[in-house]
Amino acid sequence: MRVKNLLTVDEIAMSFMSNLKGRQKSRVSTIEECLSCGQKTKRAFQSGDFVYKAGGECTKCKGKTKIVMIYGEKVEEK
């Protein structure tokens, strides 16, 4: 018995590769907010980042920070 609408591994790979060609590059950023003074700092995303994760030290008041946002921005190619 043959099942219709199943894709082979090759078909899935080719579909994935064709989708990658048309994609724009993006930069992922992380926003940390100080729990004491409220200062927000933007930095490059690091592997292991997640929202509400404890961050580093605030550069303004030396308080503790937490990650409040992670987002991507389109990067224009030159």
C-alpha atoms as a PDB file:
ATOM      1  CA  MET A   1       0.000   0.000   0.000  1.00  0.00           C
ATOM      2  CA  ARG A   2       1.411   3.405  -0.977  1.00  0.00           C
ATOM      3  CA  VAL A   3       0.683   6.494   1.105  1.00  0.00           C
ATOM      4  CA  LYS A   4       0.203   9.745  -0.795  1.00  0.00           C
ATOM      5  CA  ASN A   5       1.801  13.082   0.128  1.00  0.00           C
ATOM      6  CA  LEU A   6       4.864  11.666   1.887  1.00  0.00           C
ATOM      7  CA  LEU A   7       8.156  13.393   1.142  1.00  0.00           C
ATOM      8  CA  THR A   8      11.478  11.644   0.831  1.00  0.00           C
ATOM      9  CA  VAL A   9      14.489  12.838   2.830  1.00  0.00           C
ATOM     10  CA  ASP A  10      15.952  14.282  -0.389  1.00  0.00           C
ATOM     11  CA  GLU A  11      12.779  16.269  -1.097  1.00  0.00           C
ATOM     12  CA  ILE A  12      12.760  17.676   2.438  1.00  0.00           C
ATOM     13  CA  ALA A  13      16.448  18.650   2.205  1.00  0.00           C
ATOM     14  CA  MET A  14      15.963  20.331  -1.186  1.00  0.00           C
ATOM     15  CA  SER A  15      12.966  22.266   0.144  1.00  0.00           C
ATOM     16  CA  PHE A  16      14.944  23.392   3.189  1.00  0.00           C
ATOM     17  CA  MET A  17      17.926  24.505   1.077  1.00  0.00           C
ATOM     18  CA  SER A  18      15.747  26.491  -1.339  1.00  0.00           C
ATOM     19  CA  ASN A  19      14.142  28.304   1.606  1.00  0.00           C
ATOM     20  CA  LEU A  20      17.568  29.262   2.977  1.00  0.00           C
ATOM     21  CA  LYS A  21      18.621  30.925  -0.278  1.00  0.00           C
ATOM     22  CA  GLY A  22      15.845  33.512  -0.066  1.00  0.00           C
ATOM     23  CA  ARG A  23      16.293  34.361   3.602  1.00  0.00           C
ATOM     24  CA  GLN A  24      17.752  37.613   4.797  1.00  0.00           C
ATOM     25  CA  LYS A  25      20.490  37.606   7.391  1.00  0.00           C
ATOM     26  CA  SER A  26      19.554  38.700  10.873  1.00  0.00           C
ATOM     27  CA  ARG A  27      21.287  39.665  14.093  1.00  0.00           C
ATOM     28  CA  VAL A  28      19.855  38.404  17.390  1.00  0.00           C
ATOM     29  CA  SER A  29      20.079  40.764  20.369  1.00  0.00           C
ATOM     30  CA  THR A  30      19.393  40.401  24.084  1.00  0.00           C
ATOM     31  CA  ILE A  31      18.056  43.179  26.325  1.00  0.00           C
ATOM     32  CA  GLU A  32      18.991  43.069  30.018  1.00  0.00           C
ATOM     33  CA  GLU A  33      17.226  45.267  32.587  1.00  0.00           C
ATOM     34  CA  CYS A  34      18.594  46.219  36.005  1.00  0.00           C
ATOM     35  CA  LEU A  35      16.332  45.143  38.862  1.00  0.00           C
ATOM     36  CA  SER A  36      17.429  48.174  40.953  1.00  0.00           C
ATOM     37  CA  CYS A  37      17.601  51.219  38.671  1.00  0.00           C
ATOM     38  CA  GLY A  38      15.760  49.960  35.577  1.00  0.00           C
ATOM     39  CA  GLN A  39      18.567  50.687  33.102  1.00  0.00           C
ATOM     40  CA  LYS A  40      18.278  48.596  29.936  1.00  0.00           C
ATOM     41  CA  THR A  41      21.328  47.337  28.071  1.00  0.00           C
ATOM     42  CA  LYS A  42      21.431  45.764  24.606  1.00  0.00           C
ATOM     43  CA  ARG A  43      24.021  43.104  23.795  1.00  0.00           C
ATOM     44  CA  ALA A  44      24.595  40.313  21.299  1.00  0.00           C
ATOM     45  CA  PHE A  45      22.642  37.118  21.961  1.00  0.00           C
ATOM     46  CA  GLN A  46      24.673  34.349  23.582  1.00  0.00           C
ATOM     47  CA  SER A  47      23.905  30.656  23.452  1.00  0.00           C
ATOM     48  CA  GLY A  48      21.892  29.751  26.563  1.00  0.00           C
ATOM     49  CA  ASP A  49      20.103  33.115  26.849  1.00  0.00           C
ATOM     50  CA  PHE A  50      16.400  33.021  27.714  1.00  0.00           C
ATOM     51  CA  VAL A  51      13.870  35.566  28.980  1.00  0.00           C
ATOM     52  CA  TYR A  52      13.915  36.022  32.787  1.00  0.00           C
ATOM     53  CA  LYS A  53      17.401  34.470  33.060  1.00  0.00           C
ATOM     54  CA  ALA A  54      19.661  36.259  35.556  1.00  0.00           C
ATOM     55  CA  GLY A  55      21.996  38.574  33.686  1.00  0.00           C
ATOM     56  CA  GLY A  56      25.193  40.319  34.583  1.00  0.00           C
ATOM     57  CA  GLU A  57      26.004  43.375  36.672  1.00  0.00           C
ATOM     58  CA  CYS A  58      24.458  46.781  35.912  1.00  0.00           C
ATOM     59  CA  THR A  59      27.033  49.248  34.572  1.00  0.00           C
ATOM     60  CA  LYS A  60      25.227  52.164  36.240  1.00  0.00           C
ATOM     61  CA  CYS A  61      24.520  51.008  39.824  1.00  0.00           C
ATOM     62  CA  LYS A  62      26.234  47.575  39.994  1.00  0.00           C
ATOM     63  CA  GLY A  63      22.859  45.939  40.705  1.00  0.00           C
ATOM     64  CA  LYS A  64      21.701  42.600  39.287  1.00  0.00           C
ATOM     65  CA  THR A  65      20.118  42.389  35.832  1.00  0.00           C
ATOM     66  CA  LYS A  66      17.778  39.951  34.141  1.00  0.00           C
ATOM     67  CA  ILE A  67      17.034  39.266  30.489  1.00  0.00           C
ATOM     68  CA  VAL A  68      13.730  40.870  29.527  1.00  0.00           C
ATOM     69  CA  MET A  69      13.761  40.541  25.728  1.00  0.00           C
ATOM     70  CA  ILE A  70      15.392  38.593  22.894  1.00  0.00           C
ATOM     71  CA  TYR A  71      14.736  39.643  19.308  1.00  0.00           C
ATOM     72  CA  GLY A  72      16.098  39.543  15.765  1.00  0.00           C
ATOM     73  CA  GLU A  73      16.890  42.442  13.461  1.00  0.00           C
ATOM     74  CA  LYS A  74      17.333  42.258   9.711  1.00  0.00           C
ATOM     75  CA  VAL A  75      20.869  42.977   8.552  1.00  0.00           C
ATOM     76  CA  GLU A  76      21.229  44.699   5.209  1.00  0.00           C
ATOM     77  CA  GLU A  77      23.843  43.124   2.978  1.00  0.00           C
ATOM     78  CA  LYS A  78      26.283  45.465   1.264  1.00  0.00           C
END
